[in-house]
C-alpha atoms as a PDB file:
ATOM      1  CA  MET A   1     100.089 167.802  94.679  1.00  0.00           C
ATOM      2  CA  THR A   2      99.527 165.133  97.292  1.00  0.00           C
ATOM      3  CA  SER A   3      97.258 165.408 100.243  1.00  0.00           C
ATOM      4  CA  VAL A   4      98.392 165.121 103.812  1.00  0.00           C
ATOM      5  CA  LEU A   5      95.816 162.361 104.165  1.00  0.00           C
ATOM      6  CA  THR A   6      97.239 160.249 101.354  1.00  0.00           C
ATOM      7  CA  ASP A   7     100.929 160.749 102.081  1.00  0.00           C
ATOM      8  CA  GLY A   8     102.516 157.539 103.239  1.00  0.00           C
ATOM      9  CA  LEU A   9      99.658 155.190 102.349  1.00  0.00           C
ATOM     10  CA  GLU A  10     102.120 152.718 100.925  1.00  0.00           C
ATOM     11  CA  ASN A  11     103.402 152.163 104.466  1.00  0.00           C
ATOM     12  CA  SER A  12      99.972 151.801 106.069  1.00  0.00           C
ATOM     13  CA  ARG A  13      98.598 148.619 107.584  1.00  0.00           C
ATOM     14  CA  GLN A  14      95.156 147.227 107.002  1.00  0.00           C
ATOM     15  CA  VAL A  15      92.709 147.803 109.846  1.00  0.00           C
ATOM     16  CA  PRO A  16      91.802 144.448 111.356  1.00  0.00           C
ATOM     17  CA  ARG A  17      88.120 143.539 111.253  1.00  0.00           C
ATOM     18  CA  PRO A  18      86.559 141.700 114.152  1.00  0.00           C
ATOM     19  CA  ARG A  19      85.640 138.118 113.428  1.00  0.00           C
ATOM     20  CA  PRO A  20      81.913 137.499 113.396  1.00  0.00           C
ATOM     21  CA  ARG A  21      80.875 135.648 116.507  1.00  0.00           C
ATOM     22  CA  PRO A  22      78.282 132.945 116.220  1.00  0.00           C
ATOM     23  CA  VAL A  23      75.296 133.291 118.526  1.00  0.00           C
ATOM     24  CA  THR A  24      75.720 130.654 121.182  1.00  0.00           C
ATOM     25  CA  SER A  25      73.042 128.877 123.139  1.00  0.00           C
ATOM     26  CA  ASP A  26      74.351 130.691 126.245  1.00  0.00           C
ATOM     27  CA  THR A  27      73.586 134.025 124.616  1.00  0.00           C
ATOM     28  CA  LEU A  28      70.081 132.916 123.690  1.00  0.00           C
ATOM     29  CA  SER A  29      69.510 131.491 127.170  1.00  0.00           C
ATOM     30  CA  GLU A  30      70.601 134.753 128.750  1.00  0.00           C
ATOM     31  CA  LEU A  31      68.307 136.702 126.448  1.00  0.00           C
ATOM     32  CA  ALA A  32      65.391 134.426 127.390  1.00  0.00           C
ATOM     33  CA  ARG A  33      66.136 134.859 131.111  1.00  0.00           C
ATOM     34  CA  LEU A  34      66.241 138.644 130.755  1.00  0.00           C
ATOM     35  CA  ALA A  35      62.932 138.640 128.874  1.00  0.00           C
ATOM     36  CA  ALA A  36      61.352 136.501 131.603  1.00  0.00           C
ATOM     37  CA  LEU A  37      62.717 138.811 134.292  1.00  0.00           C
ATOM     38  CA  ALA A  38      61.354 141.883 132.491  1.00  0.00           C
ATOM     39  CA  GLU A  39      57.929 140.224 132.242  1.00  0.00           C
ATOM     40  CA  LEU A  40      58.001 139.326 135.941  1.00  0.00           C
ATOM     41  CA  ALA A  41      58.867 142.917 136.850  1.00  0.00           C
ATOM     42  CA  ARG A  42      56.098 144.264 134.620  1.00  0.00           C
ATOM     43  CA  ARG A  43      53.496 141.947 136.165  1.00  0.00           C
ATOM     44  CA  SER A  44      54.563 142.239 139.804  1.00  0.00           C
ATOM     45  CA  SER A  45      55.397 145.936 140.158  1.00  0.00           C
ATOM     46  CA  PRO A  46      51.761 147.159 140.411  1.00  0.00           C
ATOM     47  CA  SER A  47      51.090 144.675 143.211  1.00  0.00           C
ATOM     48  CA  LEU A  48      54.241 145.785 145.026  1.00  0.00           C
ATOM     49  CA  MET A  49      53.232 149.444 144.565  1.00  0.00           C
ATOM     50  CA  HIS A  50      49.814 148.654 146.028  1.00  0.00           C
ATOM     51  CA  HIS A  51      51.203 146.974 149.144  1.00  0.00           C
ATOM     52  CA  ALA A  52      53.841 149.671 149.680  1.00  0.00           C
ATOM     53  CA  ILE A  53      51.242 152.453 149.597  1.00  0.00           C
ATOM     54  CA  LEU A  54      48.912 150.547 151.932  1.00  0.00           C
ATOM     55  CA  ALA A  55      51.893 150.232 154.299  1.00  0.00           C
ATOM     56  CA  GLY A  56      52.290 154.018 154.307  1.00  0.00           C
ATOM     57  CA  THR A  57      54.934 154.653 151.658  1.00  0.00           C
ATOM     58  CA  SER A  58      54.276 157.809 149.656  1.00  0.00           C
ATOM     59  CA  PRO A  59      53.322 157.409 146.000  1.00  0.00           C
ATOM     60  CA  ALA A  60      56.280 159.619 145.042  1.00  0.00           C
ATOM     61  CA  THR A  61      58.678 157.248 146.805  1.00  0.00           C
ATOM     62  CA  VAL A  62      57.000 154.218 145.223  1.00  0.00           C
ATOM     63  CA  ALA A  63      57.212 155.786 141.765  1.00  0.00           C
ATOM     64  CA  ALA A  64      60.872 156.690 142.272  1.00  0.00           C
ATOM     65  CA  ALA A  65      61.646 153.096 143.276  1.00  0.00           C
ATOM     66  CA  ALA A  66      59.916 151.887 140.094  1.00  0.00           C
ATOM     67  CA  LYS A  67      61.869 154.490 138.076  1.00  0.00           C
ATOM     68  CA  VAL A  68      58.705 156.119 136.692  1.00  0.00           C
ATOM     69  CA  ASP A  69      56.858 159.330 137.501  1.00  0.00           C
ATOM     70  CA  VAL A  70      53.843 159.328 139.819  1.00  0.00           C
ATOM     71  CA  ALA A  71      51.322 159.563 136.980  1.00  0.00           C
ATOM     72  CA  GLU A  72      52.836 156.554 135.170  1.00  0.00           C
ATOM     73  CA  ALA A  73      52.932 154.554 138.419  1.00  0.00           C
ATOM     74  CA  HIS A  74      49.263 155.407 138.969  1.00  0.00           C
ATOM     75  CA  ILE A  75      48.344 154.232 135.470  1.00  0.00           C
ATOM     76  CA  ARG A  76      50.253 150.953 135.851  1.00  0.00           C
ATOM     77  CA  TRP A  77      48.751 150.356 139.277  1.00  0.00           C
ATOM     78  CA  HIS A  78      45.209 151.150 138.049  1.00  0.00           C
ATOM     79  CA  GLU A  79      45.444 148.681 135.141  1.00  0.00           C
ATOM     80  CA  TRP A  80      46.308 145.951 137.627  1.00  0.00           C
ATOM     81  CA  ALA A  81      44.123 147.006 140.567  1.00  0.00           C
ATOM     82  CA  ASP A  82      40.949 147.509 138.560  1.00  0.00           C
ATOM     83  CA  THR A  83      40.326 143.760 138.683  1.00  0.00           C
ATOM     84  CA  ALA A  84      42.700 142.605 141.433  1.00  0.00           C
ATOM     85  CA  VAL A  85      41.621 144.342 144.651  1.00  0.00           C
ATOM     86  CA  GLY A  86      38.509 145.185 146.583  1.00  0.00           C
ATOM     87  CA  ARG A  87      36.776 148.544 146.445  1.00  0.00           C
ATOM     88  CA  ASP A  88      38.012 149.896 149.799  1.00  0.00           C
ATOM     89  CA  GLU A  89      41.670 149.112 149.106  1.00  0.00           C
ATOM     90  CA  TYR A  90      41.317 150.474 145.586  1.00  0.00           C
ATOM     91  CA  VAL A  91      39.902 153.770 146.841  1.00  0.00           C
ATOM     92  CA  ARG A  92      42.634 154.156 149.498  1.00  0.00           C
ATOM     93  CA  VAL A  93      45.497 153.664 147.054  1.00  0.00           C
ATOM     94  CA  HIS A  94      43.820 155.582 144.226  1.00  0.00           C
ATOM     95  CA  THR A  95      43.280 158.549 146.567  1.00  0.00           C
ATOM     96  CA  ALA A  96      46.947 158.498 147.612  1.00  0.00           C
ATOM     97  CA  PHE A  97      48.063 158.453 143.976  1.00  0.00           C
ATOM     98  CA  ALA A  98      45.587 161.171 142.975  1.00  0.00           C
ATOM     99  CA  GLU A  99      46.739 163.457 145.797  1.00  0.00           C
ATOM    100  CA  ALA A 100      50.374 162.897 144.802  1.00  0.00           C
ATOM    101  CA  VAL A 101      49.652 163.708 141.149  1.00  0.00           C
ATOM    102  CA  ILE A 102      47.781 166.873 142.131  1.00  0.00           C
ATOM    103  CA  ALA A 103      50.595 167.902 144.504  1.00  0.00           C
ATOM    104  CA  ARG A 104      53.107 167.645 141.658  1.00  0.00           C
ATOM    105  CA  HIS A 105      50.895 169.561 139.241  1.00  0.00           C
ATOM    106  CA  PRO A 106      49.239 172.571 140.955  1.00  0.00           C
ATOM    107  CA  ALA A 107      47.508 173.558 137.702  1.00  0.00           C
ATOM    108  CA  VAL A 108      45.419 170.385 137.932  1.00  0.00           C
ATOM    109  CA  GLU A 109      44.190 171.393 141.377  1.00  0.00           C
ATOM    110  CA  ASP A 110      43.225 174.854 140.097  1.00  0.00           C
ATOM    111  CA  GLU A 111      41.192 173.294 137.272  1.00  0.00           C
ATOM    112  CA  LEU A 112      39.316 171.076 139.741  1.00  0.00           C
ATOM    113  CA  ARG A 113      38.130 173.995 141.887  1.00  0.00           C
ATOM    114  CA  PRO A 114      34.674 175.393 141.071  1.00  0.00           C
END
């Protein structure tokens, strides 16, 4: 008894395999450019967050633009700002982030009340 799957195999064609492509210098150059761009974005985004919040943009809007949640934006900003800005600016932006985190998580606010 033959299987439906094996019937007619004598008339089948071999499935073509893609030829391996050598890695070109263009591919490696593009990869290097993308890595440099990712590093630039990682280093500059906390500074851009800082200036946007000082200009009046809400932390939620800043976080959405950076494609992270408010808590992650706050952490990234803090790691940069801890050594990059003065105390008054730090407190202003930190307060804005903290209020935004608390607003998104009411349970945190309840825990902070005496």
